[in-house]
Amino acid sequence: MADNREKKESKPKKNHRVLWGFLRYFLLILVIAVMVFLIWWFFSTRESETYVPPTTPVQVSKPTLEEISETLTLSSYVEAEAMIPVVPFVSGNITEYNVYPGKRVEKDELIAQIDPAPYLLQVSAAEAQEKIYQSTYERIKNLYDLKAATQQELEEIKAQLDASKAQLELANIQLGYASVKSPVSGTVLMAPQTVGDIGSTQSPLAIIADIDSLKVVLSVPEKYFSDVNENRDHLKIRVIRPESNVSGEATSDAEILSISPYIDPTTKTFEIEAKLKTNVDDFRPGMYVKSEITFNTEKVYALPISALKLDNSVYYVEYEPENESYIAKYLKVSSPLENDMFFEIGEEWKDTEFIVRGQNSVLSGQKVEVVEGF
């Protein structure tokens, strides 16, 4: 009986412990939930500061009508239109030398004298031989007239006489060649010999050019072949001598002498020869120059070259009334016609305001501040 009573008393205690354990867990979960709610409520009702990027100041401008020329700039050297090497036709010791670089010479002016002594001896020998054959011919001719000589003998001596006359003529020509004269009027560019040197048929005594008639030879890339030939009558060429430490810049207009009809397969270029027409005195053979070839000139809507970025892109601005602000927009420019000051933008953009200063500090879609100047 006692055992049954103990069992009945322990059962309510066990139920009480289970209920109390459940209540503890429930209270713990409730406390955690209240804490989570309070933390959420705290952060959700807290005013947070949002980052507002600074507004970039920019300067804008609309396109303007400008004349832009399509040009190609090439490097070259000035050449004389004709450079004449004066080479003697006979060899020998130079006894007289009358030229120096820069000297002006006229046609048939004596440049050098080659020792004529050997050639005078050739003339004397040829004269003596010619006299002998002339005398023999006259004697055979008289015998032939008297029927004492045959036709064959007369013809043989006549041939020998003619040969001696030719030999005399050749000797006189060689003697004349000993006096080396200028074949043209011009300026001596090179005078590499001096008195006492050996004049040779293999080396020039001087190089003469007409420095009043100068030209440039331009090697033009193959891709311009069609443009050059199609616009040949309208091409303009300007030759520029760059400024240096010893001279200022000089320019000359040039006219086309010839355009090569073929492409050099090794360099993929063709040549244009152009003659300098103005300010020729400012140029000399051998000078380094730059030549500008202008294909055509057009009047187009254009922007300052400073607005064009390296990737051939520009930025323009659009006003957004809802935000009361200007937004920068990106635009890719396709193969613009340009010069040192402007580039073509296209007539369809003539009323658009483009960023011409400050574009390197903005991104597409960024808010900007339009100012008059900064």
Protein backbone atom coordinates (compact mmCIF):
# COMPACT_ATOMS: atom_id res chain seq x y z
CA MET A 1 0.00 0.00 0.00
CA ALA A 2 2.86 2.29 0.84
CA ASP A 3 4.44 1.66 -2.58
CA ASN A 4 1.27 2.56 -4.43
CA ARG A 5 0.99 5.74 -2.51
CA GLU A 6 4.57 6.77 -3.38
CA LYS A 7 3.96 6.10 -7.07
CA LYS A 8 0.84 8.27 -7.03
CA GLU A 9 2.77 11.12 -5.32
CA SER A 10 5.78 11.02 -7.79
CA LYS A 11 3.63 11.28 -10.92
CA PRO A 12 2.39 14.87 -10.31
CA LYS A 13 5.99 15.98 -9.53
CA LYS A 14 7.20 14.56 -12.84
CA ASN A 15 4.46 16.41 -14.78
CA HIS A 16 5.35 19.60 -12.99
CA ARG A 17 9.01 19.34 -14.02
CA VAL A 18 8.07 18.77 -17.70
CA LEU A 19 5.77 21.78 -17.69
CA TRP A 20 8.37 23.93 -16.05
CA GLY A 21 11.01 22.90 -18.65
CA PHE A 22 8.66 23.74 -21.51
CA LEU A 23 7.94 27.14 -20.00
CA ARG A 24 11.69 27.89 -19.69
CA TYR A 25 12.34 27.12 -23.36
CA PHE A 26 9.28 29.11 -24.37
CA LEU A 27 10.42 32.10 -22.35
CA LEU A 28 13.94 31.85 -23.85
CA ILE A 29 12.58 31.79 -27.40
CA LEU A 30 10.28 34.69 -26.57
CA VAL A 31 13.14 36.77 -25.19
CA ILE A 32 15.27 36.05 -28.28
CA ALA A 33 12.36 36.98 -30.57
CA VAL A 34 11.81 40.22 -28.66
CA MET A 35 15.51 41.08 -28.93
CA VAL A 36 15.57 40.36 -32.69
CA PHE A 37 12.46 42.50 -33.13
CA LEU A 38 13.93 45.34 -31.12
CA ILE A 39 17.22 45.21 -33.14
CA TRP A 40 15.29 45.17 -36.44
CA TRP A 41 13.07 48.01 -35.29
CA PHE A 42 16.10 50.06 -34.22
CA PHE A 43 17.91 49.78 -37.55
CA SER A 44 14.79 50.07 -39.68
CA THR A 45 13.71 53.30 -38.06
CA ARG A 46 17.22 54.78 -38.01
CA GLU A 47 17.86 57.41 -40.64
CA SER A 48 20.88 56.32 -42.82
CA GLU A 49 23.08 58.70 -44.78
CA THR A 50 23.23 57.95 -48.54
CA TYR A 51 26.36 58.75 -50.59
CA VAL A 52 25.78 61.49 -53.15
CA PRO A 53 28.60 61.64 -55.68
CA PRO A 54 29.94 65.13 -56.39
CA THR A 55 28.73 66.87 -59.53
CA THR A 56 31.56 67.30 -62.07
CA PRO A 57 31.81 70.74 -63.69
CA VAL A 58 32.08 70.66 -67.48
CA GLN A 59 32.15 73.15 -70.31
CA VAL A 60 29.93 72.49 -73.32
CA SER A 61 29.62 73.77 -76.87
CA LYS A 62 27.46 73.12 -79.90
CA PRO A 63 29.07 72.13 -83.25
CA THR A 64 29.99 74.96 -85.60
CA LEU A 65 30.44 75.05 -89.38
CA GLU A 66 34.13 74.74 -90.21
CA GLU A 67 36.19 74.05 -93.32
CA ILE A 68 38.15 70.83 -92.79
CA SER A 69 40.59 69.39 -95.28
CA GLU A 70 41.40 65.70 -95.59
CA THR A 71 45.19 65.61 -95.53
CA LEU A 72 48.05 63.12 -95.49
CA THR A 73 51.46 64.12 -94.10
CA LEU A 74 54.59 62.37 -95.34
CA SER A 75 58.30 62.82 -94.66
CA SER A 76 60.79 63.24 -97.49
CA TYR A 77 63.91 65.06 -98.61
CA VAL A 78 64.35 67.88 -101.10
CA GLU A 79 66.00 66.90 -104.36
CA ALA A 80 67.17 68.85 -107.36
CA GLU A 81 64.96 68.17 -110.34
CA ALA A 82 68.12 67.26 -112.29
CA MET A 83 71.45 66.31 -110.68
CA ILE A 84 74.20 65.96 -113.29
CA PRO A 85 77.43 64.11 -112.48
CA VAL A 86 80.24 65.51 -114.61
CA VAL A 87 82.42 62.55 -115.58
CA PRO A 88 85.46 63.01 -117.84
CA PHE A 89 85.57 60.94 -121.02
CA VAL A 90 89.36 60.58 -120.75
CA SER A 91 91.67 59.81 -117.87
CA GLY A 92 94.74 61.62 -116.68
CA ASN A 93 96.34 63.94 -114.17
CA ILE A 94 94.20 66.99 -113.22
CA THR A 95 96.25 70.12 -113.87
CA GLU A 96 93.48 72.69 -113.35
CA TYR A 97 90.37 72.52 -111.14
CA ASN A 98 88.01 75.49 -111.17
CA VAL A 99 84.97 74.50 -109.06
CA TYR A 100 83.99 74.20 -105.41
CA PRO A 101 80.70 73.37 -103.64
CA GLY A 102 78.19 76.17 -103.99
CA LYS A 103 79.80 77.77 -107.05
CA ARG A 104 77.48 78.82 -109.86
CA VAL A 105 78.65 77.58 -113.26
CA GLU A 106 77.31 78.23 -116.75
CA LYS A 107 76.96 75.77 -119.56
CA ASP A 108 80.32 75.00 -121.31
CA GLU A 109 82.29 76.65 -118.50
CA LEU A 110 85.65 74.92 -117.86
CA ILE A 111 85.43 72.76 -114.75
CA ALA A 112 88.78 70.96 -114.90
CA GLN A 113 91.72 70.42 -117.20
CA ILE A 114 93.24 66.99 -117.59
CA ASP A 115 96.88 66.94 -118.68
CA PRO A 116 96.62 67.17 -122.49
CA ALA A 117 100.20 66.09 -123.25
CA PRO A 118 99.40 62.40 -124.04
CA TYR A 119 96.51 63.43 -126.25
CA LEU A 120 98.57 66.06 -128.08
CA LEU A 121 101.02 63.30 -128.93
CA GLN A 122 98.14 61.16 -130.25
CA VAL A 123 97.05 64.06 -132.45
CA SER A 124 100.58 64.58 -133.77
CA ALA A 125 100.95 60.87 -134.54
CA ALA A 126 97.58 60.75 -136.25
CA GLU A 127 98.40 63.87 -138.30
CA ALA A 128 101.70 62.37 -139.45
CA GLN A 129 100.06 59.10 -140.43
CA GLU A 130 97.28 60.93 -142.24
CA LYS A 131 99.87 62.93 -144.24
CA ILE A 132 101.68 59.73 -145.24
CA TYR A 133 98.51 58.06 -146.46
CA GLN A 134 97.45 61.25 -148.23
CA SER A 135 100.74 61.41 -150.11
CA THR A 136 100.61 57.70 -150.96
CA TYR A 137 97.04 58.03 -152.17
CA GLU A 138 97.94 60.91 -154.49
CA ARG A 139 100.87 58.91 -155.92
CA ILE A 140 98.74 55.78 -156.51
CA LYS A 141 96.00 57.97 -157.99
CA ASN A 142 98.44 59.40 -160.56
CA LEU A 143 99.67 55.91 -161.42
CA TYR A 144 96.08 54.76 -161.75
CA ASP A 145 95.35 57.60 -164.13
CA LEU A 146 98.36 56.46 -166.21
CA LYS A 147 97.06 52.89 -166.15
CA ALA A 148 100.12 51.92 -164.08
CA ALA A 149 98.13 50.94 -160.95
CA THR A 150 95.07 48.81 -160.51
CA GLN A 151 91.66 49.78 -159.19
CA GLN A 152 92.19 47.51 -156.21
CA GLU A 153 95.44 49.24 -155.21
CA LEU A 154 93.72 52.62 -155.40
CA GLU A 155 90.79 51.46 -153.26
CA GLU A 156 93.08 49.91 -150.66
CA ILE A 157 95.10 53.08 -150.19
CA LYS A 158 91.88 55.13 -150.16
CA ALA A 159 90.55 52.98 -147.29
CA GLN A 160 93.82 53.43 -145.37
CA LEU A 161 93.63 57.19 -145.91
CA ASP A 162 90.04 57.31 -144.63
CA ALA A 163 91.05 55.30 -141.57
CA SER A 164 93.90 57.68 -140.81
CA LYS A 165 91.57 60.67 -141.09
CA ALA A 166 89.15 59.00 -138.64
CA GLN A 167 92.02 58.28 -136.28
CA LEU A 168 93.06 61.94 -136.44
CA GLU A 169 89.50 63.05 -135.76
CA LEU A 170 89.30 60.69 -132.75
CA ALA A 171 92.61 62.00 -131.41
CA ASN A 172 91.33 65.58 -131.67
CA ILE A 173 88.09 64.61 -129.88
CA GLN A 174 90.04 62.99 -127.05
CA LEU A 175 92.20 66.09 -126.81
CA GLY A 176 89.02 68.16 -126.51
CA TYR A 177 87.72 65.87 -123.77
CA ALA A 178 90.79 66.72 -121.71
CA SER A 179 89.13 70.09 -121.11
CA VAL A 180 86.13 69.08 -118.97
CA LYS A 181 83.27 71.56 -119.31
CA SER A 182 79.93 71.89 -117.59
CA PRO A 183 77.10 70.32 -119.61
CA VAL A 184 74.47 72.55 -117.96
CA SER A 185 74.10 75.76 -116.03
CA GLY A 186 73.65 75.25 -112.32
CA THR A 187 75.22 75.12 -108.88
CA VAL A 188 78.01 72.77 -107.89
CA LEU A 189 76.78 70.48 -105.13
CA MET A 190 79.89 68.33 -104.83
CA ALA A 191 83.48 68.87 -105.97
CA PRO A 192 85.39 65.81 -104.72
CA GLN A 193 88.62 66.27 -106.72
CA THR A 194 91.57 68.65 -106.61
CA VAL A 195 94.62 69.58 -108.66
CA GLY A 196 97.01 66.64 -108.79
CA ASP A 197 94.33 63.98 -108.53
CA ILE A 198 93.82 61.44 -111.28
CA GLY A 199 90.70 62.13 -113.28
CA SER A 200 88.96 58.90 -114.23
CA THR A 201 86.03 57.92 -116.38
CA GLN A 202 84.75 56.01 -113.32
CA SER A 203 84.47 59.01 -110.94
CA PRO A 204 82.69 62.37 -111.35
CA LEU A 205 84.74 65.53 -111.15
CA ALA A 206 81.69 67.43 -109.89
CA ILE A 207 77.94 67.10 -109.38
CA ILE A 208 75.88 70.00 -110.69
CA ALA A 209 72.23 70.75 -110.08
CA ASP A 210 69.80 73.54 -110.78
CA ILE A 211 68.84 74.52 -107.24
CA ASP A 212 66.19 76.84 -108.63
CA SER A 213 64.29 73.76 -109.76
CA LEU A 214 63.66 71.53 -106.75
CA LYS A 215 61.32 68.62 -106.10
CA VAL A 216 60.25 66.10 -103.49
CA VAL A 217 59.60 62.40 -104.07
CA LEU A 218 56.82 61.13 -101.79
CA SER A 219 56.26 57.46 -100.96
CA VAL A 220 52.49 57.21 -100.51
CA PRO A 221 50.82 54.16 -98.88
CA GLU A 222 48.96 51.87 -101.25
CA LYS A 223 45.52 52.58 -99.70
CA TYR A 224 45.62 56.15 -101.06
CA PHE A 225 46.24 55.08 -104.66
CA SER A 226 42.61 55.45 -105.77
CA ASP A 227 42.05 58.72 -103.89
CA VAL A 228 45.16 60.28 -105.39
CA ASN A 229 44.39 59.28 -108.97
CA GLU A 230 40.70 60.17 -108.76
CA ASN A 231 41.45 63.62 -107.33
CA ARG A 232 44.68 64.30 -109.21
CA ASP A 233 43.49 67.62 -110.66
CA HIS A 234 42.38 68.85 -107.24
CA LEU A 235 45.27 67.68 -105.10
CA LYS A 236 47.19 70.33 -103.21
CA ILE A 237 50.69 69.68 -101.92
CA ARG A 238 52.43 71.89 -99.37
CA VAL A 239 56.08 71.28 -98.52
CA ILE A 240 57.10 72.32 -94.98
CA ARG A 241 60.61 72.81 -93.69
CA PRO A 242 60.27 72.28 -89.91
CA GLU A 243 61.69 74.83 -87.53
CA SER A 244 65.13 73.93 -86.19
CA ASN A 245 67.89 75.46 -84.10
CA VAL A 246 69.44 77.11 -87.14
CA SER A 247 66.40 78.07 -89.22
CA GLY A 248 62.73 78.86 -88.90
CA GLU A 249 59.82 77.11 -90.54
CA ALA A 250 59.36 77.62 -94.28
CA THR A 251 56.66 76.43 -96.66
CA SER A 252 56.29 76.04 -100.39
CA ASP A 253 53.39 75.12 -102.63
CA ALA A 254 54.21 72.29 -105.02
CA GLU A 255 52.73 70.98 -108.24
CA ILE A 256 52.60 67.35 -109.28
CA LEU A 257 55.13 66.28 -111.88
CA SER A 258 54.20 62.61 -111.98
CA ILE A 259 52.31 59.86 -110.16
CA SER A 260 53.71 56.37 -110.32
CA PRO A 261 51.31 54.04 -112.17
CA TYR A 262 52.28 50.99 -110.08
CA ILE A 263 52.66 49.85 -106.47
CA ASP A 264 56.09 48.82 -105.23
CA PRO A 265 55.49 45.25 -103.96
CA THR A 266 58.31 45.47 -101.40
CA THR A 267 57.12 48.64 -99.64
CA LYS A 268 53.43 48.69 -100.66
CA THR A 269 53.80 52.33 -101.69
CA PHE A 270 53.71 54.39 -104.86
CA GLU A 271 55.59 57.59 -105.65
CA ILE A 272 54.50 61.14 -106.29
CA GLU A 273 57.02 63.63 -107.66
CA ALA A 274 56.15 67.26 -106.94
CA LYS A 275 58.02 70.43 -107.96
CA LEU A 276 58.40 73.32 -105.51
CA LYS A 277 56.79 76.47 -106.89
CA THR A 278 57.02 79.15 -104.19
CA ASN A 279 59.75 80.26 -101.75
CA VAL A 280 62.23 77.98 -103.52
CA ASP A 281 65.18 79.97 -102.12
CA ASP A 282 64.28 78.73 -98.61
CA PHE A 283 65.00 75.12 -99.61
CA ARG A 284 68.13 73.25 -100.65
CA PRO A 285 68.75 69.70 -101.89
CA GLY A 286 69.03 67.23 -99.03
CA MET A 287 66.81 69.16 -96.59
CA TYR A 288 64.39 67.12 -94.49
CA VAL A 289 60.82 68.27 -95.07
CA LYS A 290 57.24 67.23 -94.39
CA SER A 291 54.78 67.28 -97.24
CA GLU A 292 51.03 67.67 -96.75
CA ILE A 293 48.77 66.25 -99.45
CA THR A 294 45.26 67.73 -99.34
CA PHE A 295 42.64 65.58 -101.05
CA ASN A 296 39.54 67.69 -100.56
CA THR A 297 38.13 70.47 -98.39
CA GLU A 298 34.60 70.32 -96.97
CA LYS A 299 32.48 72.65 -94.83
CA VAL A 300 31.05 70.48 -92.05
CA TYR A 301 29.69 70.70 -88.51
CA ALA A 302 32.67 70.26 -86.25
CA LEU A 303 33.88 70.37 -82.65
CA PRO A 304 37.26 71.44 -81.22
CA ILE A 305 39.81 68.64 -81.43
CA SER A 306 40.22 68.83 -77.63
CA ALA A 307 36.75 67.27 -77.21
CA LEU A 308 37.82 64.09 -79.02
CA LYS A 309 39.17 61.35 -76.76
CA LEU A 310 41.84 58.83 -77.74
CA ASP A 311 39.28 56.14 -78.57
CA ASN A 312 37.48 58.48 -81.02
CA SER A 313 34.65 59.12 -78.59
CA VAL A 314 32.97 62.23 -77.21
CA TYR A 315 30.49 63.07 -74.43
CA TYR A 316 27.38 65.20 -74.78
CA VAL A 317 24.86 66.33 -72.15
CA GLU A 318 21.11 65.79 -71.82
CA TYR A 319 18.90 67.72 -69.41
CA GLU A 320 16.57 65.64 -67.22
CA PRO A 321 13.71 67.85 -65.96
CA GLU A 322 12.61 65.37 -63.27
CA ASN A 323 16.06 65.56 -61.65
CA GLU A 324 16.71 69.15 -62.72
CA SER A 325 20.21 68.14 -63.79
CA TYR A 326 22.43 67.41 -66.79
CA ILE A 327 23.56 63.86 -67.53
CA ALA A 328 26.68 62.98 -69.54
CA LYS A 329 26.16 60.64 -72.49
CA TYR A 330 28.80 58.64 -74.41
CA LEU A 331 29.04 58.80 -78.22
CA LYS A 332 31.45 56.90 -80.50
CA VAL A 333 32.61 58.96 -83.49
CA SER A 334 33.16 56.95 -86.69
CA SER A 335 36.18 57.92 -88.86
CA PRO A 336 35.90 61.70 -88.40
CA LEU A 337 37.30 64.17 -90.90
CA GLU A 338 39.73 66.25 -88.85
CA ASN A 339 42.64 68.66 -88.84
CA ASP A 340 44.78 70.21 -86.11
CA MET A 341 41.88 72.28 -84.72
CA PHE A 342 38.53 70.60 -85.47
CA PHE A 343 36.91 67.25 -86.24
CA GLU A 344 33.65 66.45 -88.01
CA ILE A 345 30.69 65.43 -85.86
CA GLY A 346 27.82 65.19 -88.35
CA GLU A 347 24.93 67.51 -89.15
CA GLU A 348 22.44 65.44 -87.12
CA TRP A 349 24.26 66.57 -83.94
CA LYS A 350 24.35 70.27 -84.78
CA ASP A 351 21.95 71.24 -81.94
CA THR A 352 23.54 69.00 -79.30
CA GLU A 353 25.72 70.36 -76.52
CA PHE A 354 29.00 68.45 -76.33
CA ILE A 355 31.46 68.46 -73.48
CA VAL A 356 34.59 70.23 -74.73
CA ARG A 357 36.32 70.52 -71.37
CA GLY A 358 36.19 68.18 -68.39
CA GLN A 359 35.12 65.10 -70.39
CA ASN A 360 38.06 63.08 -69.08
CA SER A 361 36.60 63.18 -65.57
CA VAL A 362 33.08 61.90 -66.33
CA LEU A 363 31.43 58.60 -67.14
CA SER A 364 28.35 57.90 -69.19
CA GLY A 365 25.21 58.47 -67.11
CA GLN A 366 26.99 60.67 -64.56
CA LYS A 367 25.42 63.92 -63.38
CA VAL A 368 27.41 66.98 -64.46
CA GLU A 369 27.28 70.72 -63.86
CA VAL A 370 27.43 72.90 -66.96
CA VAL A 371 29.53 76.01 -66.39
CA GLU A 372 30.68 78.78 -68.68
CA GLY A 373 34.37 78.27 -68.04
CA PHE A 374 36.75 76.93 -65.45
